[in-house]
C-alpha atoms as a PDB file:
ATOM      1  CA  MET A   1      -0.083   0.158  -0.006  1.00  0.00           C
ATOM      2  CA  ASP A   2       1.072   3.503  -0.516  1.00  0.00           C
ATOM      3  CA  VAL A   3      -0.515   6.968  -0.376  1.00  0.00           C
ATOM      4  CA  ILE A   4      -0.909   8.228  -4.035  1.00  0.00           C
ATOM      5  CA  LEU A   5      -2.634  11.571  -2.922  1.00  0.00           C
ATOM      6  CA  GLN A   6      -1.338  13.036   0.375  1.00  0.00           C
ATOM      7  CA  PRO A   7      -3.334  15.276   2.578  1.00  0.00           C
ATOM      8  CA  PRO A   8      -2.525  19.004   2.547  1.00  0.00           C
ATOM      9  CA  ALA A   9       0.513  19.976   4.661  1.00  0.00           C
ATOM     10  CA  THR A  10      -1.614  22.358   6.764  1.00  0.00           C
ATOM     11  CA  ALA A  11      -5.211  22.238   7.658  1.00  0.00           C
ATOM     12  CA  ARG A  12      -7.777  24.127   9.876  1.00  0.00           C
ATOM     13  CA  ALA A  13      -9.209  22.482  12.920  1.00  0.00           C
ATOM     14  CA  GLY A  14     -12.959  21.516  12.253  1.00  0.00           C
ATOM     15  CA  TYR A  15     -12.762  21.787   8.572  1.00  0.00           C
ATOM     16  CA  PRO A  16     -12.826  19.161   5.949  1.00  0.00           C
ATOM     17  CA  LEU A  17      -9.130  18.645   4.314  1.00  0.00           C
ATOM     18  CA  GLN A  18      -9.010  20.423   1.232  1.00  0.00           C
ATOM     19  CA  GLN A  19      -8.168  17.340  -0.812  1.00  0.00           C
ATOM     20  CA  PRO A  20      -9.022  13.685  -0.205  1.00  0.00           C
ATOM     21  CA  VAL A  21      -6.644  10.996   0.818  1.00  0.00           C
ATOM     22  CA  ILE A  22      -6.048   8.210  -1.828  1.00  0.00           C
ATOM     23  CA  VAL A  23      -4.321   4.950  -1.062  1.00  0.00           C
ATOM     24  CA  ARG A  24      -3.032   2.353  -3.613  1.00  0.00           C
ATOM     25  CA  LEU A  25      -3.428  -1.308  -3.021  1.00  0.00           C
ATOM     26  CA  ARG A  26      -0.858  -3.499  -4.733  1.00  0.00           C
ATOM     27  CA  THR A  27      -0.093  -7.181  -4.304  1.00  0.00           C
ATOM     28  CA  ILE A  28       3.468  -8.881  -4.042  1.00  0.00           C
ATOM     29  CA  ASN A  29       2.890 -12.401  -3.535  1.00  0.00           C
ATOM     30  CA  ALA A  30      -0.325 -13.212  -5.634  1.00  0.00           C
ATOM     31  CA  ASP A  31      -1.638 -12.518  -9.154  1.00  0.00           C
ATOM     32  CA  ALA A  32      -3.274  -9.307  -9.331  1.00  0.00           C
ATOM     33  CA  ASP A  33      -6.547 -10.715 -10.679  1.00  0.00           C
ATOM     34  CA  ASP A  34      -6.561 -13.247  -7.871  1.00  0.00           C
ATOM     35  CA  ALA A  35      -6.067 -10.473  -5.370  1.00  0.00           C
ATOM     36  CA  LEU A  36      -8.711  -8.450  -6.894  1.00  0.00           C
ATOM     37  CA  ALA A  37     -11.163 -11.070  -6.429  1.00  0.00           C
ATOM     38  CA  ASP A  38     -10.253 -11.531  -2.751  1.00  0.00           C
ATOM     39  CA  SER A  39     -10.350  -7.777  -2.408  1.00  0.00           C
ATOM     40  CA  THR A  40     -14.093  -7.914  -1.398  1.00  0.00           C
ATOM     41  CA  ASN A  41     -12.922  -9.244   2.025  1.00  0.00           C
ATOM     42  CA  PHE A  42     -10.974  -6.219   2.783  1.00  0.00           C
ATOM     43  CA  TYR A  43     -11.706  -2.705   4.295  1.00  0.00           C
ATOM     44  CA  ALA A  44      -9.556   0.143   4.988  1.00  0.00           C
ATOM     45  CA  VAL A  45      -9.788   2.302   8.190  1.00  0.00           C
ATOM     46  CA  ALA A  46      -8.516   5.847   8.433  1.00  0.00           C
ATOM     47  CA  SER A  47      -7.186   6.842  11.778  1.00  0.00           C
ATOM     48  CA  LEU A  48      -5.228   9.605  13.236  1.00  0.00           C
ATOM     49  CA  THR A  49      -1.575   9.217  14.752  1.00  0.00           C
ATOM     50  CA  PRO A  50       0.868  11.890  16.238  1.00  0.00           C
ATOM     51  CA  GLY A  51       2.884  13.738  13.502  1.00  0.00           C
ATOM     52  CA  GLY A  52       6.272  13.132  14.859  1.00  0.00           C
ATOM     53  CA  PRO A  53       8.643  12.719  17.666  1.00  0.00           C
ATOM     54  CA  ASN A  54       8.192  16.469  18.808  1.00  0.00           C
ATOM     55  CA  THR A  55       4.465  16.589  18.433  1.00  0.00           C
ATOM     56  CA  THR A  56       2.526  17.648  21.714  1.00  0.00           C
ATOM     57  CA  CYS A  57      -0.809  16.218  20.801  1.00  0.00           C
ATOM     58  CA  SER A  58      -2.215  13.046  22.386  1.00  0.00           C
ATOM     59  CA  THR A  59      -1.010   9.599  21.865  1.00  0.00           C
ATOM     60  CA  ASP A  60      -4.092   8.121  23.190  1.00  0.00           C
ATOM     61  CA  PRO A  61      -5.737   6.081  20.389  1.00  0.00           C
ATOM     62  CA  THR A  62      -9.271   6.725  21.964  1.00  0.00           C
ATOM     63  CA  VAL A  63      -8.753  10.488  22.067  1.00  0.00           C
ATOM     64  CA  LEU A  64      -7.187  10.625  18.573  1.00  0.00           C
ATOM     65  CA  SER A  65     -10.197   8.835  17.161  1.00  0.00           C
ATOM     66  CA  ASN A  66     -12.622  11.526  18.475  1.00  0.00           C
ATOM     67  CA  PHE A  67     -10.296  14.280  16.693  1.00  0.00           C
ATOM     68  CA  LEU A  68     -10.820  12.580  13.343  1.00  0.00           C
ATOM     69  CA  GLY A  69     -14.384  13.145  11.542  1.00  0.00           C
ATOM     70  CA  GLY A  70     -15.595  12.308   8.215  1.00  0.00           C
ATOM     71  CA  ARG A  71     -15.911   8.998   6.277  1.00  0.00           C
ATOM     72  CA  ARG A  72     -13.127   6.937   7.860  1.00  0.00           C
ATOM     73  CA  PHE A  73     -13.981   3.511   6.288  1.00  0.00           C
ATOM     74  CA  ASP A  74     -13.967   2.435   2.661  1.00  0.00           C
ATOM     75  CA  SER A  75     -13.644  -0.702   0.613  1.00  0.00           C
ATOM     76  CA  VAL A  76     -11.127  -1.500  -1.980  1.00  0.00           C
ATOM     77  CA  HIS A  77     -12.342  -0.197  -5.410  1.00  0.00           C
ATOM     78  CA  PRO A  78     -10.948  -1.773  -8.578  1.00  0.00           C
ATOM     79  CA  TYR A  79      -9.148   0.434 -10.803  1.00  0.00           C
ATOM     80  CA  SER A  80     -11.590  -0.417 -13.756  1.00  0.00           C
ATOM     81  CA  ASP A  81     -14.461   1.050 -11.342  1.00  0.00           C
ATOM     82  CA  GLY A  82     -16.063   4.005 -13.247  1.00  0.00           C
ATOM     83  CA  ASP A  83     -15.725   6.203 -10.157  1.00  0.00           C
ATOM     84  CA  ALA A  84     -12.046   6.546 -10.546  1.00  0.00           C
ATOM     85  CA  ASP A  85     -12.801   8.984 -13.459  1.00  0.00           C
ATOM     86  CA  GLY A  86     -14.040  11.626 -11.229  1.00  0.00           C
ATOM     87  CA  LEU A  87     -11.050  11.689  -8.716  1.00  0.00           C
ATOM     88  CA  PRO A  88      -8.689  14.732  -8.521  1.00  0.00           C
ATOM     89  CA  ILE A  89      -6.018  12.684  -9.844  1.00  0.00           C
ATOM     90  CA  SER A  90      -5.744   9.702 -12.099  1.00  0.00           C
ATOM     91  CA  VAL A  91      -5.521   6.473 -10.245  1.00  0.00           C
ATOM     92  CA  ALA A  92      -5.239   4.519 -13.496  1.00  0.00           C
ATOM     93  CA  ASN A  93      -2.722   1.736 -12.899  1.00  0.00           C
ATOM     94  CA  GLU A  94       0.010   0.430 -15.286  1.00  0.00           C
ATOM     95  CA  ASP A  95       1.165  -1.770 -12.575  1.00  0.00           C
ATOM     96  CA  PRO A  96       0.673  -5.291 -13.274  1.00  0.00           C
ATOM     97  CA  ARG A  97       0.384  -5.961  -9.519  1.00  0.00           C
ATOM     98  CA  GLY A  98      -2.073  -3.190  -9.071  1.00  0.00           C
ATOM     99  CA  VAL A  99      -5.250  -4.266  -7.135  1.00  0.00           C
ATOM    100  CA  GLY A 100      -7.261  -1.171  -6.430  1.00  0.00           C
ATOM    101  CA  TYR A 101      -7.646   2.052  -4.362  1.00  0.00           C
ATOM    102  CA  MET A 102      -9.257   3.454  -1.197  1.00  0.00           C
ATOM    103  CA  TYR A 103     -10.635   6.853  -1.129  1.00  0.00           C
ATOM    104  CA  PHE A 104     -11.217   9.190   1.830  1.00  0.00           C
ATOM    105  CA  PRO A 105     -12.671  12.389   0.559  1.00  0.00           C
ATOM    106  CA  ASP A 106     -14.030  14.455   3.475  1.00  0.00           C
ATOM    107  CA  LEU A 107     -11.696  13.861   6.487  1.00  0.00           C
ATOM    108  CA  MET A 108     -11.639  16.346   9.192  1.00  0.00           C
ATOM    109  CA  ILE A 109      -9.212  16.941  11.997  1.00  0.00           C
ATOM    110  CA  ARG A 110     -10.953  18.642  14.990  1.00  0.00           C
ATOM    111  CA  GLN A 111      -8.062  19.542  17.229  1.00  0.00           C
ATOM    112  CA  GLU A 112      -4.959  21.635  16.396  1.00  0.00           C
ATOM    113  CA  GLY A 113      -1.730  19.973  16.381  1.00  0.00           C
ATOM    114  CA  THR A 114       0.627  17.797  14.025  1.00  0.00           C
ATOM    115  CA  TYR A 115      -0.769  14.613  12.902  1.00  0.00           C
ATOM    116  CA  ARG A 116      -0.549  11.822  10.130  1.00  0.00           C
ATOM    117  CA  ILE A 117      -3.472   9.894   8.778  1.00  0.00           C
ATOM    118  CA  ARG A 118      -2.834   6.148   9.119  1.00  0.00           C
ATOM    119  CA  VAL A 119      -4.752   4.026   6.662  1.00  0.00           C
ATOM    120  CA  THR A 120      -5.008   0.354   7.881  1.00  0.00           C
ATOM    121  CA  LEU A 121      -6.258  -2.601   5.765  1.00  0.00           C
ATOM    122  CA  ILE A 122      -8.414  -5.084   7.513  1.00  0.00           C
ATOM    123  CA  HIS A 123      -9.119  -8.612   6.266  1.00  0.00           C
ATOM    124  CA  ILE A 124     -12.779  -9.165   7.485  1.00  0.00           C
ATOM    125  CA  ARG A 125     -13.996 -12.724   8.609  1.00  0.00           C
ATOM    126  CA  SER A 126     -17.397 -13.795   7.886  1.00  0.00           C
ATOM    127  CA  THR A 127     -19.043 -15.571  11.086  1.00  0.00           C
ATOM    128  CA  SER A 128     -20.601 -18.106   8.467  1.00  0.00           C
ATOM    129  CA  GLY A 129     -19.879 -18.851   4.935  1.00  0.00           C
ATOM    130  CA  ASP A 130     -23.333 -17.349   3.786  1.00  0.00           C
ATOM    131  CA  ALA A 131     -23.219 -14.169   6.084  1.00  0.00           C
ATOM    132  CA  PRO A 132     -22.212 -10.974   4.205  1.00  0.00           C
ATOM    133  CA  LEU A 133     -18.981  -9.277   5.195  1.00  0.00           C
ATOM    134  CA  SER A 134     -19.041  -6.173   7.187  1.00  0.00           C
ATOM    135  CA  PRO A 135     -16.665  -4.146   9.357  1.00  0.00           C
ATOM    136  CA  SER A 136     -18.498  -5.413  12.510  1.00  0.00           C
ATOM    137  CA  SER A 137     -18.022  -9.178  11.469  1.00  0.00           C
ATOM    138  CA  GLY A 138     -14.306  -8.884  13.098  1.00  0.00           C
ATOM    139  CA  GLY A 139     -10.959  -8.987  11.148  1.00  0.00           C
ATOM    140  CA  ALA A 140      -7.260  -8.730  11.186  1.00  0.00           C
ATOM    141  CA  SER A 141      -5.118  -6.002  10.429  1.00  0.00           C
ATOM    142  CA  VAL A 142      -2.934  -6.771   7.305  1.00  0.00           C
ATOM    143  CA  GLN A 143      -0.988  -3.725   6.645  1.00  0.00           C
ATOM    144  CA  SER A 144      -1.157   0.117   7.249  1.00  0.00           C
ATOM    145  CA  VAL A 145       0.473   3.162   5.850  1.00  0.00           C
ATOM    146  CA  GLU A 146       0.826   6.757   7.064  1.00  0.00           C
ATOM    147  CA  SER A 147       0.479   9.900   5.369  1.00  0.00           C
ATOM    148  CA  ASN A 148       2.712  12.870   5.408  1.00  0.00           C
ATOM    149  CA  PRO A 149       2.569  15.163   8.599  1.00  0.00           C
ATOM    150  CA  ILE A 150      -0.478  17.670   8.688  1.00  0.00           C
ATOM    151  CA  ILE A 151      -0.173  20.761  10.763  1.00  0.00           C
ATOM    152  CA  VAL A 152      -3.737  21.540  12.045  1.00  0.00           C
ATOM    153  CA  GLN A 153      -4.111  25.157  13.048  1.00  0.00           C
ATOM    154  CA  GLY A 154      -6.978  26.481  15.201  1.00  0.00           C
ATOM    155  CA  ASN A 155     -10.102  27.514  13.346  1.00  0.00           C
ATOM    156  CA  GLY A 156     -10.038  30.987  14.592  1.00  0.00           C
ATOM    157  CA  PRO A 157     -13.046  33.557  14.135  1.00  0.00           C
ATOM    158  CA  SER A 158     -14.677  33.694  10.688  1.00  0.00           C
ATOM    159  CA  THR A 159     -14.040  36.786   8.763  1.00  0.00           C
ATOM    160  CA  PRO A 160     -15.408  38.404   5.567  1.00  0.00           C
ATOM    161  CA  LEU A 161     -11.782  37.740   3.944  1.00  0.00           C
ATOM    162  CA  ALA A 162     -11.802  34.050   4.838  1.00  0.00           C
ATOM    163  CA  ARG A 163     -15.445  33.709   3.337  1.00  0.00           C
ATOM    164  CA  ALA A 164     -14.515  35.633   0.251  1.00  0.00           C
ATOM    165  CA  ASN A 165     -13.319  32.430  -1.530  1.00  0.00           C
ATOM    166  CA  GLY A 166     -16.813  31.226  -1.579  1.00  0.00           C
ATOM    167  CA  ASP A 167     -16.065  27.692  -0.176  1.00  0.00           C
ATOM    168  CA  GLY A 168     -16.072  28.472   3.592  1.00  0.00           C
ATOM    169  CA  GLU A 169     -12.363  27.672   3.950  1.00  0.00           C
ATOM    170  CA  ASP A 170      -9.905  29.683   5.453  1.00  0.00           C
ATOM    171  CA  ASP A 171      -7.212  29.261   2.812  1.00  0.00           C
ATOM    172  CA  ASP A 172      -6.239  32.864   2.055  1.00  0.00           C
ATOM    173  CA  GLY A 173      -2.495  32.194   1.143  1.00  0.00           C
ATOM    174  CA  GLY A 174      -1.503  33.465   4.525  1.00  0.00           C
ATOM    175  CA  TRP A 175      -3.050  36.979   4.418  1.00  0.00           C
ATOM    176  CA  LEU A 176      -5.304  36.429   7.606  1.00  0.00           C
ATOM    177  CA  GLU A 177      -2.383  35.939   9.656  1.00  0.00           C
ATOM    178  CA  VAL A 178      -0.833  39.065   8.274  1.00  0.00           C
ATOM    179  CA  LEU A 179      -3.776  41.180   9.041  1.00  0.00           C
ATOM    180  CA  ARG A 180      -4.233  39.729  12.472  1.00  0.00           C
ATOM    181  CA  THR A 181      -0.410  40.632  13.257  1.00  0.00           C
ATOM    182  CA  ILE A 182      -1.169  44.176  11.832  1.00  0.00           C
ATOM    183  CA  GLN A 183      -4.285  44.528  14.229  1.00  0.00           C
ATOM    184  CA  THR A 184      -2.411  43.282  17.132  1.00  0.00           C
ATOM    185  CA  ARG A 185       0.678  45.726  16.556  1.00  0.00           C
ATOM    186  CA  ARG A 186      -1.940  48.774  16.257  1.00  0.00           C
ATOM    187  CA  ARG A 187      -3.659  47.818  19.424  1.00  0.00           C
ATOM    188  CA  SER A 188      -0.511  47.419  21.390  1.00  0.00           C
ATOM    189  CA  ARG A 189       0.372  51.134  20.127  1.00  0.00           C
ATOM    190  CA  GLY A 190      -2.752  52.564  20.859  1.00  0.00           C
END
């Protein structure tokens, strides 16, 4: 597995990430067609981990789980899936070992700090041969991969400049921080 579309390097607490996270699944030991047939027995789960050794955020998995919102579960989509055409990057696969991809479009981190998104592939076991597979059936972790670090900043007050881009995000190229600094300096002089 590898992350083929990384999350943005920075984000605002409480807002969806500005781009999805996409993870590619490849096989090493089996024929790709056989692995694709077995891929219906796998789910991927996105979770948060601390972003590095100097991170001051919690390391408790329960706390970190509460900090991550959005769609955190996905099945393996084959590359031939028509949904791949609408993704922000091409996930077309020329790799003969390619199996498919997992797509996490609306993840949101609720607490400021530095984090990584870990995607864990879980092999689901059915309780009976006829029962449909689901995440609640139980399973075993097969592999995981982590994203690059994401620095999550406080969401701060909403301003007209932040809303000007029309999508509700505060991505203004850093100008809001410059304006806040200027306002703070003016207040301290006055």
